[in-house]
Amino acid sequence: MIASFWRYATGSSTSTQQTEETQYDGTQFWVNPERTGWLTKQGEYIKTWRRRWFVLKQGKLFWFKESIINRTSNPRGVIPVSSCLTVKGAEDVLNKQFAFELSTNAETMYFIADSEKEKEEWINSIGRSIVQHSRSVTDSEVVDYDNFKR
């Protein structure tokens, strides 16, 4: 018991690594990501702007302080894109060039890319990921309104 606690506390156990991978549904964000790059992100609580390295992989958008990441890297945050409703330009909202927003039911997050091309590429990549990972309606959930009995 004490030995396992020590391994957990020092981060030297494989169970810690497995816990981290489980937290991200086993997503190995350090291997063959769909998209990576620097974006400036507005903080969730304190609305300051910080430059972060973003990784889009298997329906999750991770961000890190550094651009060199590996299996021991700790994401500063992760957004499951399946919870996102829209991704679109936001220059007019923020009054900042190359800005875009990512919206869920609960919040809207703002980002700034380094160029118009990068902004469009991020919007397209995230948009594709939203479509791929959104929960699709199954046939059994489709209501037949023509034959619906009240």
N, C-alpha and C. Protein backbone atom coordinates (compact mmCIF):
# COMPACT_ATOMS: atom_id res chain seq x y z
N MET A 1 0.83 -1.19 0.00
CA MET A 1 0.00 0.00 0.00
C MET A 1 0.88 1.26 0.00
N ILE A 2 1.84 1.32 0.93
CA ILE A 2 2.72 2.48 0.99
C ILE A 2 3.57 2.56 -0.28
N ALA A 3 4.02 1.41 -0.78
CA ALA A 3 4.83 1.40 -2.00
C ALA A 3 4.02 1.94 -3.18
N SER A 4 2.76 1.54 -3.29
CA SER A 4 1.96 2.02 -4.42
C SER A 4 1.66 3.51 -4.27
N PHE A 5 1.47 3.96 -3.01
CA PHE A 5 1.28 5.39 -2.79
C PHE A 5 2.53 6.17 -3.20
N TRP A 6 3.70 5.64 -2.83
CA TRP A 6 4.96 6.29 -3.19
C TRP A 6 5.11 6.39 -4.70
N ARG A 7 4.81 5.28 -5.41
CA ARG A 7 4.90 5.29 -6.88
C ARG A 7 3.94 6.33 -7.46
N TYR A 8 2.75 6.40 -6.89
CA TYR A 8 1.76 7.37 -7.36
C TYR A 8 2.26 8.80 -7.10
N ALA A 9 2.74 9.05 -5.88
CA ALA A 9 3.19 10.39 -5.49
C ALA A 9 4.39 10.85 -6.31
N THR A 10 5.28 9.92 -6.65
CA THR A 10 6.47 10.30 -7.40
C THR A 10 6.25 10.21 -8.90
N GLY A 11 5.11 9.66 -9.30
CA GLY A 11 4.82 9.56 -10.73
C GLY A 11 5.60 8.47 -11.42
N SER A 12 6.15 7.53 -10.67
CA SER A 12 6.99 6.51 -11.29
C SER A 12 6.25 5.21 -11.55
N SER A 13 4.96 5.19 -11.33
CA SER A 13 4.23 3.94 -11.54
C SER A 13 3.56 3.93 -12.90
N THR A 14 3.41 2.75 -13.44
CA THR A 14 2.70 2.63 -14.72
C THR A 14 1.22 2.90 -14.52
N SER A 15 0.72 2.69 -13.29
CA SER A 15 -0.70 2.97 -13.04
C SER A 15 -0.99 4.46 -13.18
N THR A 16 -0.03 5.32 -12.81
CA THR A 16 -0.21 6.76 -13.00
C THR A 16 -0.33 7.06 -14.48
N GLN A 17 0.54 6.48 -15.26
CA GLN A 17 0.49 6.69 -16.71
C GLN A 17 -0.83 6.19 -17.27
N GLN A 18 -1.26 5.02 -16.83
CA GLN A 18 -2.53 4.49 -17.31
C GLN A 18 -3.68 5.39 -16.90
N THR A 19 -3.62 5.94 -15.68
CA THR A 19 -4.67 6.84 -15.22
C THR A 19 -4.74 8.07 -16.13
N GLU A 20 -3.58 8.63 -16.48
CA GLU A 20 -3.56 9.79 -17.37
C GLU A 20 -4.12 9.44 -18.74
N GLU A 21 -3.73 8.28 -19.27
CA GLU A 21 -4.24 7.88 -20.57
C GLU A 21 -5.74 7.63 -20.51
N THR A 22 -6.21 7.05 -19.41
CA THR A 22 -7.64 6.81 -19.25
C THR A 22 -8.38 8.13 -19.20
N GLN A 23 -7.78 9.10 -18.54
CA GLN A 23 -8.39 10.42 -18.44
C GLN A 23 -8.64 11.00 -19.84
N TYR A 24 -7.79 10.66 -20.77
CA TYR A 24 -7.93 11.15 -22.14
C TYR A 24 -8.41 10.03 -23.06
N ASP A 25 -9.13 9.05 -22.47
CA ASP A 25 -9.67 7.90 -23.21
C ASP A 25 -8.61 7.19 -24.02
N GLY A 26 -7.40 7.12 -23.48
CA GLY A 26 -6.32 6.39 -24.15
C GLY A 26 -5.76 7.12 -25.36
N THR A 27 -6.13 8.38 -25.55
CA THR A 27 -5.63 9.14 -26.70
C THR A 27 -4.14 9.39 -26.53
N GLN A 28 -3.36 8.88 -27.46
CA GLN A 28 -1.91 9.10 -27.44
C GLN A 28 -1.63 10.37 -28.24
N PHE A 29 -1.84 11.51 -27.58
CA PHE A 29 -1.76 12.81 -28.26
C PHE A 29 -0.38 13.10 -28.84
N TRP A 30 0.63 12.37 -28.39
CA TRP A 30 2.01 12.61 -28.84
C TRP A 30 2.34 11.86 -30.12
N VAL A 31 1.44 10.99 -30.62
CA VAL A 31 1.71 10.18 -31.81
C VAL A 31 0.74 10.56 -32.93
N ASN A 32 1.25 10.93 -34.07
CA ASN A 32 0.47 11.21 -35.28
C ASN A 32 -0.80 12.03 -35.05
N PRO A 33 -0.69 13.22 -34.49
CA PRO A 33 -1.89 14.03 -34.30
C PRO A 33 -2.46 14.48 -35.65
N GLU A 34 -3.74 14.79 -35.66
CA GLU A 34 -4.39 15.26 -36.89
C GLU A 34 -3.94 16.69 -37.22
N ARG A 35 -3.71 17.49 -36.19
CA ARG A 35 -3.26 18.87 -36.40
C ARG A 35 -2.54 19.36 -35.15
N THR A 36 -1.49 20.14 -35.33
CA THR A 36 -0.79 20.76 -34.21
C THR A 36 -0.43 22.19 -34.60
N GLY A 37 -0.22 23.02 -33.61
CA GLY A 37 0.25 24.38 -33.89
C GLY A 37 0.03 25.31 -32.71
N TRP A 38 0.68 26.47 -32.82
CA TRP A 38 0.54 27.49 -31.80
C TRP A 38 -0.74 28.29 -32.04
N LEU A 39 -1.47 28.53 -30.96
CA LEU A 39 -2.62 29.42 -30.96
C LEU A 39 -2.53 30.25 -29.68
N THR A 40 -3.10 31.42 -29.72
CA THR A 40 -3.23 32.21 -28.51
C THR A 40 -4.63 31.98 -28.00
N LYS A 41 -4.74 31.59 -26.73
CA LYS A 41 -6.02 31.20 -26.14
C LYS A 41 -6.37 32.14 -25.00
N GLN A 42 -7.64 32.49 -24.95
CA GLN A 42 -8.09 33.31 -23.83
C GLN A 42 -8.36 32.41 -22.63
N GLY A 43 -7.89 32.84 -21.47
CA GLY A 43 -8.07 32.06 -20.25
C GLY A 43 -9.53 31.90 -19.89
N GLU A 44 -9.84 30.79 -19.21
CA GLU A 44 -11.21 30.47 -18.87
C GLU A 44 -11.77 31.40 -17.78
N TYR A 45 -10.98 31.66 -16.75
CA TYR A 45 -11.45 32.47 -15.63
C TYR A 45 -10.87 33.88 -15.67
N ILE A 46 -9.55 33.95 -15.78
CA ILE A 46 -8.89 35.25 -15.93
C ILE A 46 -8.71 35.43 -17.44
N LYS A 47 -9.32 36.42 -17.99
CA LYS A 47 -9.42 36.55 -19.44
C LYS A 47 -8.16 37.12 -20.10
N THR A 48 -7.01 36.61 -19.67
CA THR A 48 -5.75 37.01 -20.30
C THR A 48 -5.50 36.10 -21.49
N TRP A 49 -4.63 36.55 -22.40
CA TRP A 49 -4.31 35.78 -23.59
C TRP A 49 -2.96 35.10 -23.40
N ARG A 50 -2.91 33.80 -23.66
CA ARG A 50 -1.67 33.04 -23.52
C ARG A 50 -1.43 32.21 -24.76
N ARG A 51 -0.18 32.15 -25.18
CA ARG A 51 0.20 31.34 -26.33
C ARG A 51 0.39 29.89 -25.88
N ARG A 52 -0.30 28.97 -26.55
CA ARG A 52 -0.25 27.55 -26.19
C ARG A 52 -0.08 26.70 -27.44
N TRP A 53 0.51 25.52 -27.25
CA TRP A 53 0.67 24.55 -28.32
C TRP A 53 -0.55 23.64 -28.30
N PHE A 54 -1.27 23.57 -29.43
CA PHE A 54 -2.50 22.78 -29.51
C PHE A 54 -2.29 21.53 -30.33
N VAL A 55 -2.95 20.46 -29.90
CA VAL A 55 -2.90 19.17 -30.57
C VAL A 55 -4.34 18.68 -30.72
N LEU A 56 -4.73 18.42 -31.97
CA LEU A 56 -6.04 17.84 -32.25
C LEU A 56 -5.84 16.37 -32.57
N LYS A 57 -6.48 15.49 -31.78
CA LYS A 57 -6.30 14.06 -31.99
C LYS A 57 -7.53 13.31 -31.49
N GLN A 58 -8.09 12.47 -32.32
CA GLN A 58 -9.19 11.58 -31.97
C GLN A 58 -10.33 12.30 -31.25
N GLY A 59 -10.73 13.43 -31.79
CA GLY A 59 -11.87 14.13 -31.23
C GLY A 59 -11.60 14.92 -29.96
N LYS A 60 -10.33 15.17 -29.68
CA LYS A 60 -9.98 15.96 -28.50
C LYS A 60 -8.97 17.04 -28.89
N LEU A 61 -9.18 18.21 -28.35
CA LEU A 61 -8.27 19.33 -28.58
C LEU A 61 -7.51 19.58 -27.28
N PHE A 62 -6.23 19.23 -27.27
CA PHE A 62 -5.35 19.38 -26.10
C PHE A 62 -4.54 20.65 -26.25
N TRP A 63 -4.15 21.25 -25.11
CA TRP A 63 -3.17 22.35 -25.18
C TRP A 63 -2.12 22.20 -24.11
N PHE A 64 -0.93 22.69 -24.48
CA PHE A 64 0.29 22.54 -23.66
C PHE A 64 1.03 23.87 -23.62
N LYS A 65 1.92 24.00 -22.65
CA LYS A 65 2.78 25.19 -22.57
C LYS A 65 3.88 25.13 -23.62
N GLU A 66 4.39 23.92 -23.89
CA GLU A 66 5.54 23.73 -24.78
C GLU A 66 5.13 22.98 -26.04
N SER A 67 5.91 23.14 -27.10
CA SER A 67 5.60 22.47 -28.37
C SER A 67 6.22 21.08 -28.47
N ILE A 68 7.17 20.78 -27.59
CA ILE A 68 7.78 19.45 -27.60
C ILE A 68 7.01 18.61 -26.60
N ILE A 69 6.24 17.64 -27.13
CA ILE A 69 5.43 16.81 -26.24
C ILE A 69 5.75 15.33 -26.45
N ASN A 70 5.54 14.57 -25.40
CA ASN A 70 5.73 13.12 -25.46
C ASN A 70 4.75 12.48 -24.48
N ARG A 71 4.92 11.18 -24.24
CA ARG A 71 3.95 10.47 -23.40
C ARG A 71 3.90 10.99 -21.97
N THR A 72 4.95 11.66 -21.50
CA THR A 72 4.95 12.18 -20.13
C THR A 72 4.46 13.62 -20.05
N SER A 73 4.15 14.23 -21.19
CA SER A 73 3.65 15.61 -21.19
C SER A 73 2.28 15.68 -20.54
N ASN A 74 2.06 16.74 -19.80
CA ASN A 74 0.78 16.96 -19.14
C ASN A 74 0.02 18.08 -19.85
N PRO A 75 -1.10 17.77 -20.45
CA PRO A 75 -1.88 18.83 -21.10
C PRO A 75 -2.35 19.85 -20.06
N ARG A 76 -2.38 21.12 -20.45
CA ARG A 76 -2.92 22.16 -19.58
C ARG A 76 -4.45 22.10 -19.59
N GLY A 77 -4.99 21.47 -20.63
CA GLY A 77 -6.43 21.32 -20.75
C GLY A 77 -6.79 20.49 -21.96
N VAL A 78 -8.04 20.08 -22.02
CA VAL A 78 -8.53 19.29 -23.16
C VAL A 78 -10.00 19.61 -23.37
N ILE A 79 -10.37 19.72 -24.63
CA ILE A 79 -11.76 19.96 -25.01
C ILE A 79 -12.22 18.77 -25.85
N PRO A 80 -13.24 18.02 -25.40
CA PRO A 80 -13.78 16.98 -26.28
C PRO A 80 -14.63 17.66 -27.35
N VAL A 81 -14.22 17.52 -28.61
CA VAL A 81 -14.93 18.25 -29.67
C VAL A 81 -16.36 17.76 -29.86
N SER A 82 -16.67 16.55 -29.37
CA SER A 82 -18.05 16.06 -29.48
C SER A 82 -19.01 16.93 -28.67
N SER A 83 -18.49 17.70 -27.71
CA SER A 83 -19.33 18.60 -26.92
C SER A 83 -19.46 19.98 -27.59
N CYS A 84 -18.76 20.18 -28.70
CA CYS A 84 -18.77 21.48 -29.37
C CYS A 84 -19.91 21.56 -30.39
N LEU A 85 -20.51 22.72 -30.46
CA LEU A 85 -21.61 22.95 -31.39
C LEU A 85 -21.13 23.66 -32.65
N THR A 86 -20.29 24.68 -32.48
CA THR A 86 -19.83 25.45 -33.63
C THR A 86 -18.37 25.84 -33.47
N VAL A 87 -17.73 26.04 -34.62
CA VAL A 87 -16.40 26.65 -34.68
C VAL A 87 -16.46 27.62 -35.86
N LYS A 88 -16.13 28.89 -35.60
CA LYS A 88 -16.26 29.90 -36.65
C LYS A 88 -15.40 31.11 -36.33
N GLY A 89 -15.18 31.92 -37.35
CA GLY A 89 -14.39 33.13 -37.19
C GLY A 89 -15.01 34.05 -36.16
N ALA A 90 -14.16 34.83 -35.47
CA ALA A 90 -14.65 35.72 -34.42
C ALA A 90 -13.93 37.06 -34.41
N GLU A 91 -13.40 37.47 -35.57
CA GLU A 91 -12.70 38.77 -35.62
C GLU A 91 -13.62 39.91 -35.19
N ASP A 92 -14.88 39.84 -35.65
CA ASP A 92 -15.83 40.90 -35.33
C ASP A 92 -16.20 40.91 -33.85
N VAL A 93 -16.21 39.75 -33.21
CA VAL A 93 -16.55 39.66 -31.79
C VAL A 93 -15.42 40.22 -30.93
N LEU A 94 -14.19 39.82 -31.23
CA LEU A 94 -13.04 40.19 -30.42
C LEU A 94 -12.32 41.44 -30.90
N ASN A 95 -12.61 41.83 -32.13
CA ASN A 95 -11.89 42.94 -32.74
C ASN A 95 -10.41 42.63 -32.85
N LYS A 96 -10.10 41.35 -33.15
CA LYS A 96 -8.72 40.91 -33.31
C LYS A 96 -8.62 40.09 -34.59
N GLN A 97 -7.54 40.31 -35.34
CA GLN A 97 -7.30 39.60 -36.58
C GLN A 97 -7.02 38.13 -36.30
N PHE A 98 -7.50 37.24 -37.20
CA PHE A 98 -7.26 35.78 -37.16
C PHE A 98 -7.90 35.09 -35.94
N ALA A 99 -8.93 35.72 -35.36
CA ALA A 99 -9.61 35.15 -34.19
C ALA A 99 -10.70 34.18 -34.63
N PHE A 100 -10.91 33.13 -33.81
CA PHE A 100 -12.04 32.24 -34.02
C PHE A 100 -12.56 31.76 -32.68
N GLU A 101 -13.77 31.22 -32.70
CA GLU A 101 -14.41 30.78 -31.47
C GLU A 101 -14.86 29.33 -31.59
N LEU A 102 -14.90 28.67 -30.46
CA LEU A 102 -15.35 27.29 -30.36
C LEU A 102 -16.41 27.28 -29.26
N SER A 103 -17.64 26.89 -29.62
CA SER A 103 -18.76 26.98 -28.67
C SER A 103 -19.32 25.62 -28.28
N THR A 104 -19.61 25.49 -27.00
CA THR A 104 -20.33 24.33 -26.46
C THR A 104 -21.65 24.87 -25.91
N ASN A 105 -22.47 23.98 -25.33
CA ASN A 105 -23.70 24.45 -24.67
C ASN A 105 -23.38 25.38 -23.51
N ALA A 106 -22.26 25.14 -22.85
CA ALA A 106 -21.93 25.84 -21.62
C ALA A 106 -21.10 27.11 -21.81
N GLU A 107 -20.24 27.13 -22.84
CA GLU A 107 -19.32 28.27 -22.96
C GLU A 107 -18.85 28.47 -24.39
N THR A 108 -18.24 29.63 -24.61
CA THR A 108 -17.58 29.93 -25.87
C THR A 108 -16.13 30.25 -25.56
N MET A 109 -15.22 29.55 -26.26
CA MET A 109 -13.79 29.76 -26.06
C MET A 109 -13.24 30.50 -27.27
N TYR A 110 -12.28 31.38 -27.03
CA TYR A 110 -11.72 32.20 -28.11
C TYR A 110 -10.25 31.89 -28.32
N PHE A 111 -9.84 31.91 -29.58
CA PHE A 111 -8.48 31.61 -29.99
C PHE A 111 -8.05 32.61 -31.05
N ILE A 112 -6.73 32.81 -31.15
CA ILE A 112 -6.18 33.65 -32.22
C ILE A 112 -5.05 32.87 -32.89
N ALA A 113 -5.17 32.72 -34.20
CA ALA A 113 -4.13 32.04 -34.99
C ALA A 113 -3.09 33.07 -35.43
N ASP A 114 -2.00 32.58 -36.03
CA ASP A 114 -0.93 33.47 -36.48
C ASP A 114 -1.17 34.06 -37.86
N SER A 115 -2.11 33.48 -38.61
CA SER A 115 -2.39 33.98 -39.97
C SER A 115 -3.81 33.59 -40.35
N GLU A 116 -4.31 34.19 -41.41
CA GLU A 116 -5.64 33.84 -41.92
C GLU A 116 -5.67 32.39 -42.37
N LYS A 117 -4.59 31.95 -43.02
CA LYS A 117 -4.50 30.56 -43.50
C LYS A 117 -4.59 29.59 -42.33
N GLU A 118 -3.82 29.84 -41.26
CA GLU A 118 -3.87 28.95 -40.09
C GLU A 118 -5.23 28.97 -39.43
N LYS A 119 -5.83 30.14 -39.35
CA LYS A 119 -7.18 30.24 -38.76
C LYS A 119 -8.14 29.34 -39.53
N GLU A 120 -8.14 29.46 -40.85
CA GLU A 120 -9.05 28.66 -41.69
C GLU A 120 -8.75 27.16 -41.55
N GLU A 121 -7.47 26.81 -41.49
CA GLU A 121 -7.10 25.40 -41.34
C GLU A 121 -7.56 24.84 -40.00
N TRP A 122 -7.42 25.61 -38.92
CA TRP A 122 -7.90 25.16 -37.61
C TRP A 122 -9.42 25.02 -37.62
N ILE A 123 -10.11 26.00 -38.16
CA ILE A 123 -11.58 25.94 -38.22
C ILE A 123 -12.01 24.69 -39.00
N ASN A 124 -11.38 24.44 -40.14
CA ASN A 124 -11.73 23.27 -40.96
C ASN A 124 -11.42 21.96 -40.22
N SER A 125 -10.24 21.87 -39.61
CA SER A 125 -9.85 20.64 -38.90
C SER A 125 -10.78 20.36 -37.71
N ILE A 126 -11.04 21.39 -36.93
CA ILE A 126 -11.93 21.21 -35.76
C ILE A 126 -13.35 20.90 -36.23
N GLY A 127 -13.79 21.60 -37.28
CA GLY A 127 -15.13 21.35 -37.82
C GLY A 127 -15.30 19.91 -38.28
N ARG A 128 -14.29 19.39 -39.01
CA ARG A 128 -14.33 17.98 -39.44
C ARG A 128 -14.39 17.05 -38.24
N SER A 129 -13.59 17.36 -37.22
CA SER A 129 -13.55 16.52 -36.03
C SER A 129 -14.89 16.55 -35.29
N ILE A 130 -15.53 17.71 -35.23
CA ILE A 130 -16.86 17.81 -34.59
C ILE A 130 -17.84 16.88 -35.31
N VAL A 131 -17.84 16.93 -36.63
CA VAL A 131 -18.75 16.09 -37.42
C VAL A 131 -18.44 14.62 -37.20
N GLN A 132 -17.16 14.25 -37.23
CA GLN A 132 -16.76 12.84 -37.07
C GLN A 132 -17.08 12.30 -35.68
N HIS A 133 -16.99 13.13 -34.65
CA HIS A 133 -17.11 12.63 -33.29
C HIS A 133 -18.41 13.02 -32.59
N SER A 134 -19.29 13.72 -33.29
CA SER A 134 -20.57 14.04 -32.66
C SER A 134 -21.41 12.77 -32.61
N ARG A 135 -22.23 12.69 -31.61
CA ARG A 135 -23.06 11.50 -31.42
C ARG A 135 -24.12 11.49 -32.50
N SER A 136 -24.12 10.46 -33.32
CA SER A 136 -25.13 10.40 -34.38
C SER A 136 -26.41 9.77 -33.84
N VAL A 137 -27.52 10.19 -34.42
CA VAL A 137 -28.82 9.67 -34.01
C VAL A 137 -28.99 8.29 -34.63
N THR A 138 -29.38 7.32 -33.81
CA THR A 138 -29.60 5.97 -34.33
C THR A 138 -31.04 5.86 -34.83
N ASP A 139 -31.30 4.87 -35.65
CA ASP A 139 -32.64 4.67 -36.21
C ASP A 139 -33.70 4.55 -35.12
N SER A 140 -33.36 3.90 -34.01
CA SER A 140 -34.34 3.70 -32.95
C SER A 140 -34.71 5.01 -32.25
N GLU A 141 -33.88 6.04 -32.41
CA GLU A 141 -34.15 7.32 -31.77
C GLU A 141 -34.94 8.27 -32.67
N VAL A 142 -35.09 7.91 -33.93
CA VAL A 142 -35.81 8.77 -34.85
C VAL A 142 -37.31 8.60 -34.59
N VAL A 143 -37.96 9.72 -34.35
CA VAL A 143 -39.40 9.67 -34.09
C VAL A 143 -40.13 9.75 -35.42
N ASP A 144 -41.05 8.81 -35.65
CA ASP A 144 -41.88 8.81 -36.85
C ASP A 144 -43.11 9.67 -36.56
N TYR A 145 -43.03 10.95 -36.90
CA TYR A 145 -44.11 11.88 -36.56
C TYR A 145 -45.40 11.57 -37.31
N ASP A 146 -45.32 10.95 -38.49
CA ASP A 146 -46.51 10.61 -39.26
C ASP A 146 -47.35 9.58 -38.52
N ASN A 147 -46.71 8.64 -37.84
CA ASN A 147 -47.42 7.56 -37.15
C ASN A 147 -47.35 7.72 -35.63
N PHE A 148 -47.04 8.92 -35.15
CA PHE A 148 -46.90 9.17 -33.74
C PHE A 148 -48.26 9.16 -33.08
N LYS A 149 -48.44 8.36 -32.04
CA LYS A 149 -49.73 8.27 -31.32
C LYS A 149 -49.62 9.08 -30.03
N ARG A 150 -50.61 9.89 -29.80
CA ARG A 150 -50.61 10.71 -28.57
C ARG A 150 -51.44 10.07 -27.50
